Protein backbone atom coordinates (compact mmCIF):
# COMPACT_ATOMS: atom_id res chain seq x y z
CA MET A 1 12.90 0.67 21.83
CA THR A 2 10.61 0.23 18.85
CA LYS A 3 10.24 2.65 15.99
CA ASN A 4 6.54 3.31 16.49
CA ILE A 5 6.78 4.59 20.10
CA ILE A 6 7.72 8.21 20.83
CA LYS A 7 8.35 9.65 24.29
CA LYS A 8 7.21 13.25 24.75
CA LYS A 9 7.10 15.60 27.67
CA SER A 10 3.61 16.85 28.53
CA PRO A 11 2.87 20.39 29.77
CA GLY A 12 2.49 19.00 33.31
CA GLY A 13 6.07 17.75 33.27
CA ARG A 14 5.32 14.04 32.88
CA ILE A 15 6.92 11.94 30.18
CA VAL A 16 4.21 10.30 28.06
CA THR A 17 4.61 7.62 25.38
CA HIS A 18 2.72 7.98 22.09
CA LYS A 19 2.26 5.23 19.54
CA THR A 20 2.61 6.36 15.93
CA LYS A 21 0.84 4.80 12.96
CA LYS A 22 2.85 2.93 10.36
CA SER A 23 3.17 4.75 7.07
CA LYS A 24 1.32 3.24 4.14
CA THR A 25 3.46 1.88 1.38
CA SER A 26 2.42 1.63 -2.24
CA SER A 27 1.49 -1.68 -3.81
CA HIS A 28 4.04 -3.59 -5.88
CA CYS A 29 3.70 -6.02 -8.78
CA ARG A 30 3.94 -9.68 -7.74
CA ILE A 31 6.02 -10.64 -10.77
CA CYS A 32 8.44 -7.80 -11.56
CA GLY A 33 8.25 -5.82 -8.29
CA SER A 34 7.60 -2.41 -9.86
CA ALA A 35 5.44 0.06 -7.95
CA LEU A 36 1.80 0.18 -9.00
CA ARG A 37 -0.04 3.43 -9.55
CA THR A 38 -3.20 2.17 -7.87
CA ASN A 39 -3.56 2.11 -4.12
CA LYS A 40 -5.75 -0.74 -2.96
CA ARG A 41 -5.88 0.72 0.55
CA ALA A 42 -7.42 4.00 -0.60
CA LYS A 43 -11.08 4.42 0.20
CA THR A 44 -12.90 6.58 -2.29
CA LYS A 45 -16.40 7.92 -1.78
CA SER A 46 -17.49 7.11 -5.32
CA GLY A 47 -16.08 3.59 -5.14
CA LYS A 48 -14.34 3.83 -8.53
CA ARG A 49 -12.05 0.91 -9.26
CA VAL A 50 -9.95 -0.21 -12.20
CA ALA A 51 -11.95 -2.63 -14.34
CA ARG A 52 -9.15 -4.98 -15.40
CA PRO A 53 -8.57 -8.17 -13.40
CA LEU A 54 -5.73 -8.35 -10.87
CA SER A 55 -5.24 -4.58 -11.08
CA ALA A 56 -4.07 -4.38 -7.47
CA GLU A 57 -1.57 -7.23 -7.87
CA LEU A 58 0.03 -7.01 -11.35
CA CYS A 59 1.35 -4.17 -13.48
CA PRO A 60 -0.20 -3.79 -16.97
CA ALA A 61 2.84 -5.29 -18.75
CA CYS A 62 2.96 -8.41 -16.56
CA LEU A 63 -0.81 -8.84 -16.84
CA LYS A 64 -0.58 -8.66 -20.63
CA ASN A 65 2.18 -11.28 -20.66
CA SER A 66 0.29 -13.61 -18.34
CA LEU A 67 -2.90 -13.36 -20.43
CA GLN A 68 -0.93 -14.12 -23.61
CA MET A 69 0.64 -17.17 -21.94
CA ALA A 70 -2.83 -18.36 -20.84
CA GLU A 71 -4.10 -18.24 -24.45
CA LEU A 72 -1.40 -20.64 -25.60
């Protein structure tokens, strides 16, 4: 039995299976693995996004280190 299927009894007495949606997990940094504060899956009406590059993939500290390494 999988985790996303639930069996429930309906008012008519039948047993019905319901599929549940997977819970959304927060994004993590590709380098250090820390949780990011941004959620790339969130859909906002205003469409506001973080202006820095790779904001959905790297944390600010790892991004700073990678940009410093690129300058050398």
